[in-house]
Amino acid sequence: RTMARRLVFYIDEQNNFTQKEIKFKWYPGFSQTQLEKSIKELHEKFEVEEPNKKILEVSSASSSRIAKKAGAFSLEVVTSHGKYSVEQLFQAGKVFKNHGSRQELLTLSSKDAKQANKEINSHDTLIGFKIFEASFPLIPKTYFYNWTYLKALEQNPGIASEIAKYDAFTDIFFNDQKSFNCQAQACSIYVSLLRRRLLKKALSSRNDFLKVVYGNSL
């Protein structure tokens, strides 16, 4: 019996966003059937600990129609330079020590942009983020991704209102030992801010977002 660990990002009783590591039975393989079984195990284990939380898997493996639309590869942001997915903006926003800015990746699909940076990641150092004229520091590590994702939700009220019906979020593909940024965490931040009536303030500027979400400012 194979066991796995995943983070569940959820909203606590005070409406703050938090996370919990859950150990659950893993069904080997990445076929849709196996992934759905693993997701079911993860959700059931979480529900034992947090029985009143409505939980949603936000990934391409999700059986939910809204979760697929909320995925970073398909959720789009309209910018003054065109319309892009969250993933395209995130990958194109990376600035590496040797390769520099990656904004040319905006011409590629979400999948190809991610793949192009994957090859560079292994032998170069990420030093920050810059998209169009806006620069973002490397710390907090999830700042640029979460800002981009929440801006996209703000522009897609239909998707956002569906996400707001949930209290907890998972991404079966997210391994916190290897990555920092996670669409499930971004969803939990969105719902938390909405319930605390801080969403408008947080999204009014990048500095306000830093203050409200991370408790610090530049």
N, C-alpha and C. Protein backbone atom coordinates (compact mmCIF):
# COMPACT_ATOMS: atom_id res chain seq x y z
N ARG A 1 0.86 -1.20 0.00
CA ARG A 1 0.00 0.00 0.00
C ARG A 1 0.90 1.24 0.00
N THR A 2 0.77 2.03 -1.04
CA THR A 2 1.59 3.23 -1.17
C THR A 2 0.91 4.42 -0.51
N MET A 3 1.68 5.12 0.32
CA MET A 3 1.13 6.31 0.96
C MET A 3 1.76 7.56 0.34
N ALA A 4 1.01 8.63 0.34
CA ALA A 4 1.54 9.91 -0.18
C ALA A 4 1.14 11.02 0.78
N ARG A 5 1.78 12.16 0.62
CA ARG A 5 1.44 13.35 1.41
C ARG A 5 1.14 14.50 0.46
N ARG A 6 0.10 15.23 0.75
CA ARG A 6 -0.23 16.43 -0.03
C ARG A 6 -0.73 17.51 0.93
N LEU A 7 -0.57 18.76 0.51
CA LEU A 7 -1.10 19.86 1.30
C LEU A 7 -2.54 20.15 0.87
N VAL A 8 -3.38 20.40 1.86
CA VAL A 8 -4.72 20.91 1.58
C VAL A 8 -4.72 22.37 2.04
N PHE A 9 -5.10 23.26 1.15
CA PHE A 9 -5.15 24.69 1.47
C PHE A 9 -6.60 25.02 1.79
N TYR A 10 -6.83 25.55 2.99
CA TYR A 10 -8.22 25.77 3.39
C TYR A 10 -8.39 27.04 4.21
N ILE A 11 -9.65 27.39 4.44
CA ILE A 11 -9.98 28.60 5.18
C ILE A 11 -10.43 28.16 6.58
N ASP A 12 -9.78 28.71 7.60
CA ASP A 12 -10.10 28.29 8.98
C ASP A 12 -11.33 29.02 9.53
N GLU A 13 -11.61 28.81 10.81
CA GLU A 13 -12.81 29.39 11.42
C GLU A 13 -12.77 30.91 11.48
N GLN A 14 -11.58 31.49 11.45
CA GLN A 14 -11.45 32.97 11.46
C GLN A 14 -11.38 33.53 10.04
N ASN A 15 -11.61 32.66 9.06
CA ASN A 15 -11.55 33.02 7.64
C ASN A 15 -10.13 33.35 7.14
N ASN A 16 -9.13 32.90 7.88
CA ASN A 16 -7.75 33.04 7.40
C ASN A 16 -7.41 31.83 6.54
N PHE A 17 -6.51 32.02 5.56
CA PHE A 17 -6.10 30.88 4.75
C PHE A 17 -4.95 30.16 5.48
N THR A 18 -5.02 28.86 5.44
CA THR A 18 -4.00 28.06 6.11
C THR A 18 -3.81 26.77 5.32
N GLN A 19 -2.98 25.88 5.82
CA GLN A 19 -2.77 24.62 5.11
C GLN A 19 -2.52 23.49 6.08
N LYS A 20 -2.76 22.28 5.61
CA LYS A 20 -2.57 21.11 6.45
C LYS A 20 -2.02 19.98 5.57
N GLU A 21 -1.01 19.29 6.09
CA GLU A 21 -0.48 18.16 5.33
C GLU A 21 -1.30 16.92 5.66
N ILE A 22 -1.75 16.24 4.63
CA ILE A 22 -2.57 15.04 4.81
C ILE A 22 -1.84 13.83 4.22
N LYS A 23 -1.81 12.77 4.99
CA LYS A 23 -1.22 11.51 4.52
C LYS A 23 -2.37 10.63 4.05
N PHE A 24 -2.26 10.07 2.87
CA PHE A 24 -3.38 9.29 2.32
C PHE A 24 -2.87 8.16 1.42
N LYS A 25 -3.77 7.27 1.09
CA LYS A 25 -3.42 6.14 0.22
C LYS A 25 -3.31 6.63 -1.22
N TRP A 26 -2.19 6.30 -1.85
CA TRP A 26 -1.91 6.73 -3.22
C TRP A 26 -2.13 5.57 -4.18
N TYR A 27 -2.87 5.83 -5.24
CA TYR A 27 -3.06 4.82 -6.28
C TYR A 27 -2.04 5.09 -7.39
N PRO A 28 -1.05 4.21 -7.57
CA PRO A 28 0.04 4.47 -8.52
C PRO A 28 -0.46 4.68 -9.95
N GLY A 29 0.27 5.53 -10.67
CA GLY A 29 -0.08 5.82 -12.06
C GLY A 29 -0.78 7.16 -12.21
N PHE A 30 -0.70 7.69 -13.43
CA PHE A 30 -1.29 9.01 -13.66
C PHE A 30 -2.44 8.98 -14.67
N SER A 31 -3.10 7.82 -14.76
CA SER A 31 -4.30 7.78 -15.59
C SER A 31 -5.40 8.52 -14.84
N GLN A 32 -6.39 8.98 -15.56
CA GLN A 32 -7.48 9.74 -14.93
C GLN A 32 -8.14 8.93 -13.81
N THR A 33 -8.35 7.65 -14.06
CA THR A 33 -9.00 6.78 -13.06
C THR A 33 -8.19 6.71 -11.77
N GLN A 34 -6.88 6.50 -11.91
CA GLN A 34 -6.01 6.38 -10.74
C GLN A 34 -5.93 7.71 -9.98
N LEU A 35 -5.82 8.81 -10.73
CA LEU A 35 -5.76 10.13 -10.09
C LEU A 35 -7.04 10.43 -9.32
N GLU A 36 -8.17 10.09 -9.92
CA GLU A 36 -9.45 10.34 -9.25
C GLU A 36 -9.58 9.55 -7.94
N LYS A 37 -9.04 8.32 -7.95
CA LYS A 37 -9.05 7.50 -6.73
C LYS A 37 -8.17 8.13 -5.66
N SER A 38 -7.00 8.62 -6.06
CA SER A 38 -6.08 9.26 -5.11
C SER A 38 -6.69 10.54 -4.54
N ILE A 39 -7.33 11.33 -5.41
CA ILE A 39 -7.98 12.58 -4.98
C ILE A 39 -9.08 12.27 -3.96
N LYS A 40 -9.86 11.23 -4.25
CA LYS A 40 -10.96 10.82 -3.35
C LYS A 40 -10.40 10.44 -1.97
N GLU A 41 -9.32 9.69 -1.96
CA GLU A 41 -8.66 9.30 -0.69
C GLU A 41 -8.19 10.54 0.08
N LEU A 42 -7.54 11.44 -0.63
CA LEU A 42 -7.02 12.68 -0.01
C LEU A 42 -8.16 13.49 0.60
N HIS A 43 -9.22 13.67 -0.16
CA HIS A 43 -10.37 14.47 0.31
C HIS A 43 -11.06 13.82 1.50
N GLU A 44 -11.21 12.51 1.44
CA GLU A 44 -11.88 11.81 2.54
C GLU A 44 -11.07 11.91 3.84
N LYS A 45 -9.74 11.80 3.71
CA LYS A 45 -8.87 11.91 4.88
C LYS A 45 -8.97 13.32 5.49
N PHE A 46 -8.99 14.33 4.63
CA PHE A 46 -9.10 15.71 5.10
C PHE A 46 -10.45 15.94 5.79
N GLU A 47 -11.50 15.39 5.20
CA GLU A 47 -12.86 15.59 5.73
C GLU A 47 -13.04 14.96 7.11
N VAL A 48 -12.25 13.94 7.43
CA VAL A 48 -12.29 13.34 8.77
C VAL A 48 -11.80 14.37 9.79
N GLU A 49 -10.74 15.13 9.39
CA GLU A 49 -10.17 16.13 10.30
C GLU A 49 -10.94 17.45 10.29
N GLU A 50 -11.49 17.79 9.13
CA GLU A 50 -12.23 19.06 8.98
C GLU A 50 -13.59 18.75 8.34
N PRO A 51 -14.52 18.19 9.12
CA PRO A 51 -15.77 17.67 8.53
C PRO A 51 -16.68 18.68 7.85
N ASN A 52 -16.55 19.95 8.18
CA ASN A 52 -17.50 20.91 7.60
C ASN A 52 -16.95 21.71 6.42
N LYS A 53 -15.84 21.26 5.87
CA LYS A 53 -15.23 22.02 4.77
C LYS A 53 -15.58 21.40 3.41
N LYS A 54 -16.08 22.24 2.52
CA LYS A 54 -16.39 21.78 1.16
C LYS A 54 -15.10 21.89 0.34
N ILE A 55 -14.66 20.76 -0.22
CA ILE A 55 -13.33 20.71 -0.83
C ILE A 55 -13.37 20.51 -2.34
N LEU A 56 -12.43 21.16 -3.04
CA LEU A 56 -12.37 21.10 -4.50
C LEU A 56 -10.95 20.82 -4.97
N GLU A 57 -10.80 19.86 -5.88
CA GLU A 57 -9.52 19.62 -6.55
C GLU A 57 -9.41 20.60 -7.71
N VAL A 58 -8.35 21.41 -7.70
CA VAL A 58 -8.15 22.40 -8.77
C VAL A 58 -6.96 21.96 -9.61
N SER A 59 -7.21 21.11 -10.59
CA SER A 59 -6.15 20.68 -11.51
C SER A 59 -6.80 20.04 -12.72
N SER A 60 -5.98 19.68 -13.69
CA SER A 60 -6.51 19.04 -14.90
C SER A 60 -7.09 17.65 -14.59
N ALA A 61 -6.76 17.11 -13.40
CA ALA A 61 -7.28 15.79 -13.01
C ALA A 61 -8.64 15.88 -12.35
N SER A 62 -9.09 17.09 -12.08
CA SER A 62 -10.35 17.27 -11.37
C SER A 62 -11.54 16.85 -12.23
N SER A 63 -12.55 16.29 -11.58
CA SER A 63 -13.77 15.91 -12.31
C SER A 63 -14.73 17.12 -12.40
N SER A 64 -14.36 18.22 -11.73
CA SER A 64 -15.21 19.41 -11.72
C SER A 64 -14.95 20.31 -12.94
N ARG A 65 -16.02 20.71 -13.59
CA ARG A 65 -15.92 21.58 -14.77
C ARG A 65 -15.30 22.93 -14.39
N ILE A 66 -15.72 23.47 -13.25
CA ILE A 66 -15.23 24.79 -12.85
C ILE A 66 -13.75 24.74 -12.49
N ALA A 67 -13.31 23.63 -11.91
CA ALA A 67 -11.90 23.49 -11.54
C ALA A 67 -11.00 23.50 -12.78
N LYS A 68 -11.48 22.89 -13.85
CA LYS A 68 -10.69 22.88 -15.10
C LYS A 68 -10.56 24.31 -15.63
N LYS A 69 -11.66 25.06 -15.53
CA LYS A 69 -11.63 26.47 -16.00
C LYS A 69 -10.73 27.33 -15.12
N ALA A 70 -10.62 26.95 -13.84
CA ALA A 70 -9.82 27.73 -12.89
C ALA A 70 -8.34 27.34 -12.91
N GLY A 71 -7.99 26.34 -13.69
CA GLY A 71 -6.59 25.91 -13.77
C GLY A 71 -5.73 27.01 -14.37
N ALA A 72 -4.49 27.10 -13.91
CA ALA A 72 -3.57 28.17 -14.35
C ALA A 72 -3.29 28.13 -15.86
N PHE A 73 -3.46 26.95 -16.47
CA PHE A 73 -3.21 26.83 -17.92
C PHE A 73 -4.36 27.39 -18.75
N SER A 74 -5.54 27.49 -18.14
CA SER A 74 -6.70 27.98 -18.91
C SER A 74 -7.28 29.30 -18.41
N LEU A 75 -7.07 29.63 -17.13
CA LEU A 75 -7.59 30.89 -16.57
C LEU A 75 -6.82 32.06 -17.19
N GLU A 76 -7.55 32.98 -17.81
CA GLU A 76 -6.88 34.04 -18.57
C GLU A 76 -6.98 35.44 -17.94
N VAL A 77 -5.97 36.23 -18.23
CA VAL A 77 -5.91 37.62 -17.78
C VAL A 77 -5.83 38.51 -19.01
N VAL A 78 -6.65 39.54 -19.06
CA VAL A 78 -6.53 40.52 -20.14
C VAL A 78 -5.57 41.60 -19.67
N THR A 79 -4.48 41.79 -20.39
CA THR A 79 -3.50 42.83 -20.05
C THR A 79 -3.52 43.88 -21.15
N SER A 80 -2.79 44.95 -20.96
CA SER A 80 -2.72 45.99 -22.00
C SER A 80 -1.94 45.48 -23.21
N HIS A 81 -1.31 44.31 -23.08
CA HIS A 81 -0.51 43.73 -24.18
C HIS A 81 -1.19 42.53 -24.82
N GLY A 82 -2.39 42.19 -24.34
CA GLY A 82 -3.07 41.02 -24.90
C GLY A 82 -3.61 40.12 -23.81
N LYS A 83 -4.18 39.00 -24.23
CA LYS A 83 -4.82 38.06 -23.30
C LYS A 83 -3.92 36.83 -23.12
N TYR A 84 -3.62 36.51 -21.87
CA TYR A 84 -2.72 35.38 -21.60
C TYR A 84 -3.23 34.56 -20.42
N SER A 85 -2.83 33.29 -20.40
CA SER A 85 -3.18 32.45 -19.25
C SER A 85 -2.26 32.82 -18.09
N VAL A 86 -2.68 32.47 -16.88
CA VAL A 86 -1.86 32.70 -15.68
C VAL A 86 -0.50 32.03 -15.86
N GLU A 87 -0.50 30.81 -16.39
CA GLU A 87 0.75 30.06 -16.57
C GLU A 87 1.69 30.76 -17.56
N GLN A 88 1.13 31.26 -18.66
CA GLN A 88 1.95 31.99 -19.64
C GLN A 88 2.63 33.20 -18.99
N LEU A 89 1.85 33.98 -18.24
CA LEU A 89 2.40 35.17 -17.58
C LEU A 89 3.44 34.79 -16.53
N PHE A 90 3.18 33.73 -15.79
CA PHE A 90 4.10 33.28 -14.75
C PHE A 90 5.43 32.83 -15.36
N GLN A 91 5.36 32.03 -16.40
CA GLN A 91 6.60 31.54 -17.03
C GLN A 91 7.35 32.68 -17.73
N ALA A 92 6.60 33.53 -18.44
CA ALA A 92 7.23 34.64 -19.18
C ALA A 92 7.79 35.70 -18.23
N GLY A 93 7.25 35.73 -17.01
CA GLY A 93 7.69 36.73 -16.03
C GLY A 93 9.00 36.39 -15.34
N LYS A 94 9.48 35.16 -15.52
CA LYS A 94 10.71 34.74 -14.84
C LYS A 94 11.93 35.47 -15.40
N VAL A 95 12.81 35.87 -14.49
CA VAL A 95 14.07 36.50 -14.89
C VAL A 95 15.20 35.64 -14.30
N PHE A 96 16.06 35.13 -15.18
CA PHE A 96 17.17 34.28 -14.76
C PHE A 96 18.49 35.03 -14.79
N LYS A 97 19.42 34.55 -14.00
CA LYS A 97 20.74 35.19 -13.89
C LYS A 97 21.45 35.26 -15.24
N ASN A 98 21.47 34.14 -15.97
CA ASN A 98 22.18 34.10 -17.25
C ASN A 98 21.26 34.33 -18.46
N HIS A 99 20.09 33.73 -18.42
CA HIS A 99 19.18 33.84 -19.57
C HIS A 99 18.36 35.14 -19.57
N GLY A 100 18.37 35.85 -18.43
CA GLY A 100 17.63 37.12 -18.36
C GLY A 100 16.12 36.93 -18.41
N SER A 101 15.45 37.94 -18.94
CA SER A 101 13.99 37.93 -19.01
C SER A 101 13.49 36.88 -20.01
N ARG A 102 12.33 36.32 -19.71
CA ARG A 102 11.78 35.26 -20.57
C ARG A 102 10.47 35.71 -21.25
N GLN A 103 10.31 37.02 -21.44
CA GLN A 103 9.02 37.51 -21.95
C GLN A 103 8.68 37.02 -23.36
N GLU A 104 9.69 36.55 -24.08
CA GLU A 104 9.41 36.02 -25.43
C GLU A 104 8.54 34.75 -25.37
N LEU A 105 8.47 34.14 -24.18
CA LEU A 105 7.66 32.93 -24.02
C LEU A 105 6.16 33.20 -24.14
N LEU A 106 5.76 34.46 -24.12
CA LEU A 106 4.34 34.80 -24.26
C LEU A 106 3.77 34.35 -25.60
N THR A 107 4.65 34.09 -26.55
CA THR A 107 4.19 33.64 -27.87
C THR A 107 3.90 32.13 -27.87
N LEU A 108 4.32 31.44 -26.80
CA LEU A 108 4.11 29.99 -26.72
C LEU A 108 2.87 29.64 -25.92
N SER A 109 2.42 28.41 -26.05
CA SER A 109 1.29 27.93 -25.25
C SER A 109 1.76 27.78 -23.79
N SER A 110 0.80 27.66 -22.88
CA SER A 110 1.12 27.49 -21.45
C SER A 110 2.07 26.31 -21.26
N LYS A 111 1.75 25.20 -21.89
CA LYS A 111 2.53 23.96 -21.74
C LYS A 111 3.95 24.13 -22.28
N ASP A 112 4.07 24.73 -23.48
CA ASP A 112 5.39 24.91 -24.09
C ASP A 112 6.24 25.92 -23.33
N ALA A 113 5.60 26.96 -22.79
CA ALA A 113 6.33 27.97 -22.00
C ALA A 113 6.90 27.33 -20.74
N LYS A 114 6.10 26.49 -20.10
CA LYS A 114 6.55 25.80 -18.88
C LYS A 114 7.72 24.88 -19.21
N GLN A 115 7.61 24.15 -20.31
CA GLN A 115 8.65 23.22 -20.73
C GLN A 115 9.95 23.94 -21.05
N ALA A 116 9.84 25.10 -21.72
CA ALA A 116 11.02 25.87 -22.10
C ALA A 116 11.82 26.31 -20.88
N ASN A 117 11.10 26.71 -19.82
CA ASN A 117 11.79 27.13 -18.58
C ASN A 117 12.29 25.96 -17.76
N LYS A 118 11.64 24.82 -17.91
CA LYS A 118 12.04 23.63 -17.16
C LYS A 118 13.49 23.26 -17.50
N GLU A 119 13.82 23.39 -18.78
CA GLU A 119 15.17 23.05 -19.23
C GLU A 119 16.20 24.03 -18.68
N ILE A 120 15.81 25.30 -18.53
CA ILE A 120 16.73 26.33 -18.02
C ILE A 120 16.89 26.22 -16.50
N ASN A 121 15.78 25.90 -15.81
CA ASN A 121 15.79 25.79 -14.35
C ASN A 121 16.94 24.98 -13.78
N SER A 122 17.29 23.90 -14.47
CA SER A 122 18.31 22.99 -13.95
C SER A 122 19.72 23.57 -13.96
N HIS A 123 19.99 24.55 -14.83
CA HIS A 123 21.36 25.09 -14.88
C HIS A 123 21.43 26.63 -14.84
N ASP A 124 20.39 27.24 -14.33
CA ASP A 124 20.41 28.70 -14.18
C ASP A 124 19.68 29.07 -12.88
N THR A 125 19.86 30.31 -12.44
CA THR A 125 19.27 30.74 -11.17
C THR A 125 18.19 31.79 -11.41
N LEU A 126 17.03 31.57 -10.81
CA LEU A 126 15.94 32.55 -10.88
C LEU A 126 16.29 33.71 -9.96
N ILE A 127 16.26 34.94 -10.48
CA ILE A 127 16.63 36.10 -9.64
C ILE A 127 15.47 37.06 -9.38
N GLY A 128 14.35 36.85 -10.06
CA GLY A 128 13.21 37.73 -9.85
C GLY A 128 12.16 37.51 -10.92
N PHE A 129 11.17 38.40 -10.94
CA PHE A 129 10.12 38.33 -11.95
C PHE A 129 9.89 39.72 -12.54
N LYS A 130 9.64 39.74 -13.84
CA LYS A 130 9.27 41.00 -14.47
C LYS A 130 8.33 40.70 -15.63
N ILE A 131 7.15 41.30 -15.60
CA ILE A 131 6.23 41.12 -16.71
C ILE A 131 5.83 42.50 -17.21
N PHE A 132 6.04 42.73 -18.50
CA PHE A 132 5.85 44.05 -19.11
C PHE A 132 6.68 45.07 -18.31
N GLU A 133 6.07 46.05 -17.67
CA GLU A 133 6.89 47.04 -16.95
C GLU A 133 6.94 46.76 -15.44
N ALA A 134 6.24 45.75 -14.98
CA ALA A 134 6.14 45.51 -13.53
C ALA A 134 7.17 44.48 -13.04
N SER A 135 7.94 44.87 -12.03
CA SER A 135 8.92 43.96 -11.44
C SER A 135 8.43 43.44 -10.09
N PHE A 136 8.78 42.19 -9.80
CA PHE A 136 8.40 41.55 -8.54
C PHE A 136 9.64 40.89 -7.94
N PRO A 137 9.84 41.01 -6.63
CA PRO A 137 10.99 40.35 -6.00
C PRO A 137 10.77 38.84 -5.89
N LEU A 138 11.83 38.14 -5.60
CA LEU A 138 11.76 36.68 -5.46
C LEU A 138 11.11 36.26 -4.14
N ILE A 139 11.22 37.13 -3.15
CA ILE A 139 10.63 36.86 -1.83
C ILE A 139 9.54 37.89 -1.55
N PRO A 140 8.35 37.54 -1.09
CA PRO A 140 7.85 36.19 -0.82
C PRO A 140 7.79 35.33 -2.09
N LYS A 141 8.13 34.06 -1.95
CA LYS A 141 8.27 33.17 -3.10
C LYS A 141 7.00 33.03 -3.94
N THR A 142 5.85 33.15 -3.32
CA THR A 142 4.59 32.92 -4.05
C THR A 142 3.91 34.23 -4.48
N TYR A 143 4.58 35.35 -4.23
CA TYR A 143 3.97 36.68 -4.45
C TYR A 143 3.53 36.90 -5.90
N PHE A 144 4.43 36.74 -6.84
CA PHE A 144 4.11 37.02 -8.25
C PHE A 144 3.01 36.09 -8.77
N TYR A 145 3.14 34.82 -8.46
CA TYR A 145 2.16 33.83 -8.94
C TYR A 145 0.77 34.13 -8.36
N ASN A 146 0.70 34.33 -7.06
CA ASN A 146 -0.60 34.55 -6.42
C ASN A 146 -1.25 35.86 -6.86
N TRP A 147 -0.44 36.90 -7.03
CA TRP A 147 -0.96 38.18 -7.54
C TRP A 147 -1.57 37.99 -8.93
N THR A 148 -0.85 37.29 -9.80
CA THR A 148 -1.31 37.06 -11.17
C THR A 148 -2.60 36.23 -11.18
N TYR A 149 -2.62 35.19 -10.34
CA TYR A 149 -3.78 34.30 -10.30
C TYR A 149 -5.02 35.03 -9.77
N LEU A 150 -4.85 35.80 -8.70
CA LEU A 150 -6.00 36.52 -8.13
C LEU A 150 -6.50 37.61 -9.06
N LYS A 151 -5.60 38.24 -9.79
CA LYS A 151 -6.01 39.25 -10.78
C LYS A 151 -6.86 38.58 -11.87
N ALA A 152 -6.47 37.36 -12.23
CA ALA A 152 -7.22 36.61 -13.24
C ALA A 152 -8.61 36.24 -12.73
N LEU A 153 -8.69 35.82 -11.47
CA LEU A 153 -10.01 35.50 -10.88
C LEU A 153 -10.90 36.74 -10.84
N GLU A 154 -10.28 37.86 -10.50
CA GLU A 154 -11.03 39.13 -10.44
C GLU A 154 -11.66 39.44 -11.81
N GLN A 155 -10.94 39.08 -12.87
CA GLN A 155 -11.44 39.36 -14.23
C GLN A 155 -12.43 38.31 -14.72
N ASN A 156 -12.54 37.22 -13.99
CA ASN A 156 -13.45 36.14 -14.39
C ASN A 156 -14.46 35.86 -13.27
N PRO A 157 -15.41 36.80 -13.06
CA PRO A 157 -16.32 36.70 -11.92
C PRO A 157 -17.16 35.42 -11.89
N GLY A 158 -17.48 34.89 -13.06
CA GLY A 158 -18.26 33.65 -13.11
C GLY A 158 -17.51 32.49 -12.47
N ILE A 159 -16.23 32.37 -12.82
CA ILE A 159 -15.38 31.31 -12.25
C ILE A 159 -15.14 31.61 -10.77
N ALA A 160 -14.82 32.87 -10.47
CA ALA A 160 -14.51 33.27 -9.09
C ALA A 160 -15.68 32.98 -8.14
N SER A 161 -16.90 33.25 -8.58
CA SER A 161 -18.06 33.03 -7.70
C SER A 161 -18.27 31.54 -7.42
N GLU A 162 -17.89 30.69 -8.36
CA GLU A 162 -17.98 29.23 -8.14
C GLU A 162 -16.91 28.77 -7.15
N ILE A 163 -15.70 29.31 -7.31
CA ILE A 163 -14.58 28.99 -6.41
C ILE A 163 -14.94 29.39 -4.98
N ALA A 164 -15.63 30.53 -4.86
CA ALA A 164 -15.99 31.08 -3.54
C ALA A 164 -16.96 30.19 -2.75
N LYS A 165 -17.54 29.19 -3.41
CA LYS A 165 -18.47 28.28 -2.73
C LYS A 165 -17.73 27.21 -1.92
N TYR A 166 -16.40 27.15 -2.12
CA TYR A 166 -15.61 26.10 -1.45
C TYR A 166 -14.78 26.66 -0.30
N ASP A 167 -14.40 25.75 0.62
CA ASP A 167 -13.62 26.13 1.80
C ASP A 167 -12.21 25.56 1.79
N ALA A 168 -11.97 24.60 0.88
CA ALA A 168 -10.67 23.92 0.87
C ALA A 168 -10.33 23.51 -0.56
N PHE A 169 -9.02 23.50 -0.86
CA PHE A 169 -8.58 23.24 -2.23
C PHE A 169 -7.34 22.35 -2.25
N THR A 170 -7.29 21.48 -3.26
CA THR A 170 -6.12 20.63 -3.44
C THR A 170 -5.67 20.68 -4.90
N ASP A 171 -4.41 20.30 -5.11
CA ASP A 171 -3.87 20.09 -6.45
C ASP A 171 -3.02 18.82 -6.34
N ILE A 172 -3.53 17.72 -6.85
CA ILE A 172 -2.90 16.41 -6.69
C ILE A 172 -1.48 16.37 -7.26
N PHE A 173 -1.19 17.26 -8.22
CA PHE A 173 0.14 17.29 -8.85
C PHE A 173 1.16 18.12 -8.07
N PHE A 174 0.68 18.91 -7.10
CA PHE A 174 1.58 19.83 -6.40
C PHE A 174 2.37 19.13 -5.30
N ASN A 175 3.68 19.20 -5.44
CA ASN A 175 4.59 18.63 -4.43
C ASN A 175 5.36 19.78 -3.79
N ASP A 176 5.06 20.06 -2.53
CA ASP A 176 5.68 21.23 -1.88
C ASP A 176 7.16 21.03 -1.60
N GLN A 177 7.69 19.82 -1.85
CA GLN A 177 9.14 19.61 -1.71
C GLN A 177 9.88 20.12 -2.96
N LYS A 178 9.13 20.24 -4.05
CA LYS A 178 9.76 20.63 -5.33
C LYS A 178 9.31 22.01 -5.83
N SER A 179 8.12 22.44 -5.43
CA SER A 179 7.57 23.71 -5.95
C SER A 179 7.04 24.57 -4.81
N PHE A 180 6.81 25.84 -5.14
CA PHE A 180 6.26 26.78 -4.16
C PHE A 180 4.86 27.24 -4.56
N ASN A 181 4.69 27.44 -5.85
CA ASN A 181 3.45 28.06 -6.33
C ASN A 181 2.39 27.02 -6.63
N CYS A 182 1.17 27.32 -6.19
CA CYS A 182 0.11 26.33 -6.33
C CYS A 182 -1.25 27.02 -6.51
N GLN A 183 -1.96 26.61 -7.55
CA GLN A 183 -3.26 27.23 -7.83
C GLN A 183 -4.27 26.95 -6.70
N ALA A 184 -4.12 25.83 -6.01
CA ALA A 184 -5.02 25.54 -4.87
C ALA A 184 -4.79 26.54 -3.74
N GLN A 185 -3.52 26.90 -3.50
CA GLN A 185 -3.24 27.91 -2.47
C GLN A 185 -3.81 29.27 -2.90
N ALA A 186 -3.63 29.61 -4.16
CA ALA A 186 -4.14 30.89 -4.66
C ALA A 186 -5.66 30.97 -4.48
N CYS A 187 -6.36 29.87 -4.72
CA CYS A 187 -7.82 29.84 -4.52
C CYS A 187 -8.18 30.06 -3.06
N SER A 188 -7.41 29.45 -2.15
CA SER A 188 -7.70 29.62 -0.72
C SER A 188 -7.47 31.07 -0.28
N ILE A 189 -6.46 31.71 -0.84
CA ILE A 189 -6.19 33.12 -0.52
C ILE A 189 -7.35 33.99 -1.02
N TYR A 190 -7.81 33.70 -2.24
CA TYR A 190 -8.92 34.46 -2.81
C TYR A 190 -10.16 34.38 -1.91
N VAL A 191 -10.53 33.17 -1.52
CA VAL A 191 -11.75 32.98 -0.70
C VAL A 191 -11.59 33.63 0.67
N SER A 192 -10.40 33.49 1.24
CA SER A 192 -10.12 34.11 2.54
C SER A 192 -10.27 35.63 2.48
N LEU A 193 -9.69 36.25 1.47
CA LEU A 193 -9.78 37.71 1.31
C LEU A 193 -11.22 38.14 1.07
N LEU A 194 -11.93 37.38 0.28
CA LEU A 194 -13.34 37.69 -0.02
C LEU A 194 -14.17 37.66 1.27
N ARG A 195 -13.99 36.61 2.06
CA ARG A 195 -14.78 36.46 3.29
C ARG A 195 -14.40 37.49 4.35
N ARG A 196 -13.15 37.95 4.33
CA ARG A 196 -12.73 38.97 5.30
C ARG A 196 -12.94 40.39 4.76
N ARG A 197 -13.54 40.49 3.58
CA ARG A 197 -13.80 41.77 2.92
C ARG A 197 -12.52 42.57 2.68
N LEU A 198 -11.47 41.86 2.31
CA LEU A 198 -10.18 42.51 2.06
C LEU A 198 -9.75 42.36 0.60
N LEU A 199 -10.60 41.74 -0.20
CA LEU A 199 -10.23 41.45 -1.59
C LEU A 199 -9.96 42.71 -2.41
N LYS A 200 -10.87 43.66 -2.31
CA LYS A 200 -10.74 44.88 -3.09
C LYS A 200 -9.46 45.64 -2.71
N LYS A 201 -9.21 45.73 -1.41
CA LYS A 201 -8.01 46.42 -0.92
C LYS A 201 -6.74 45.69 -1.40
N ALA A 202 -6.74 44.37 -1.26
CA ALA A 202 -5.55 43.58 -1.63
C ALA A 202 -5.23 43.70 -3.12
N LEU A 203 -6.26 43.77 -3.95
CA LEU A 203 -6.03 43.81 -5.39
C LEU A 203 -5.90 45.23 -5.95
N SER A 204 -5.97 46.23 -5.06
CA SER A 204 -5.89 47.62 -5.54
C SER A 204 -4.48 48.01 -5.98
N SER A 205 -3.47 47.36 -5.40
CA SER A 205 -2.08 47.61 -5.86
C SER A 205 -1.21 46.44 -5.41
N ARG A 206 -0.07 46.31 -6.05
CA ARG A 206 0.85 45.21 -5.69
C ARG A 206 1.34 45.35 -4.26
N ASN A 207 1.56 46.59 -3.83
CA ASN A 207 2.04 46.82 -2.47
C ASN A 207 0.96 46.47 -1.43
N ASP A 208 -0.30 46.82 -1.75
CA ASP A 208 -1.40 46.46 -0.85
C ASP A 208 -1.55 44.94 -0.77
N PHE A 209 -1.33 44.27 -1.90
CA PHE A 209 -1.40 42.80 -1.92
C PHE A 209 -0.35 42.21 -0.98
N LEU A 210 0.85 42.75 -1.06
CA LEU A 210 1.95 42.30 -0.17
C LEU A 210 1.57 42.49 1.28
N LYS A 211 1.03 43.65 1.60
CA LYS A 211 0.67 43.97 2.99
C LYS A 211 -0.44 43.06 3.50
N VAL A 212 -1.51 42.94 2.72
CA VAL A 212 -2.68 42.19 3.16
C VAL A 212 -2.41 40.69 3.21
N VAL A 213 -1.77 40.16 2.17
CA VAL A 213 -1.58 38.70 2.07
C VAL A 213 -0.36 38.22 2.86
N TYR A 214 0.72 38.99 2.77
CA TYR A 214 1.98 38.53 3.38
C TYR A 214 2.39 39.30 4.64
N GLY A 215 1.63 40.35 4.93
CA GLY A 215 1.93 41.10 6.14
C GLY A 215 3.18 41.94 6.06
N ASN A 216 3.63 42.23 4.85
CA ASN A 216 4.80 43.12 4.71
C ASN A 216 4.65 43.96 3.43
N SER A 217 5.54 44.92 3.28
CA SER A 217 5.49 45.75 2.09
C SER A 217 6.90 46.07 1.65
N LEU A 218 7.02 46.53 0.41
CA LEU A 218 8.34 46.81 -0.15
C LEU A 218 8.86 48.15 0.38
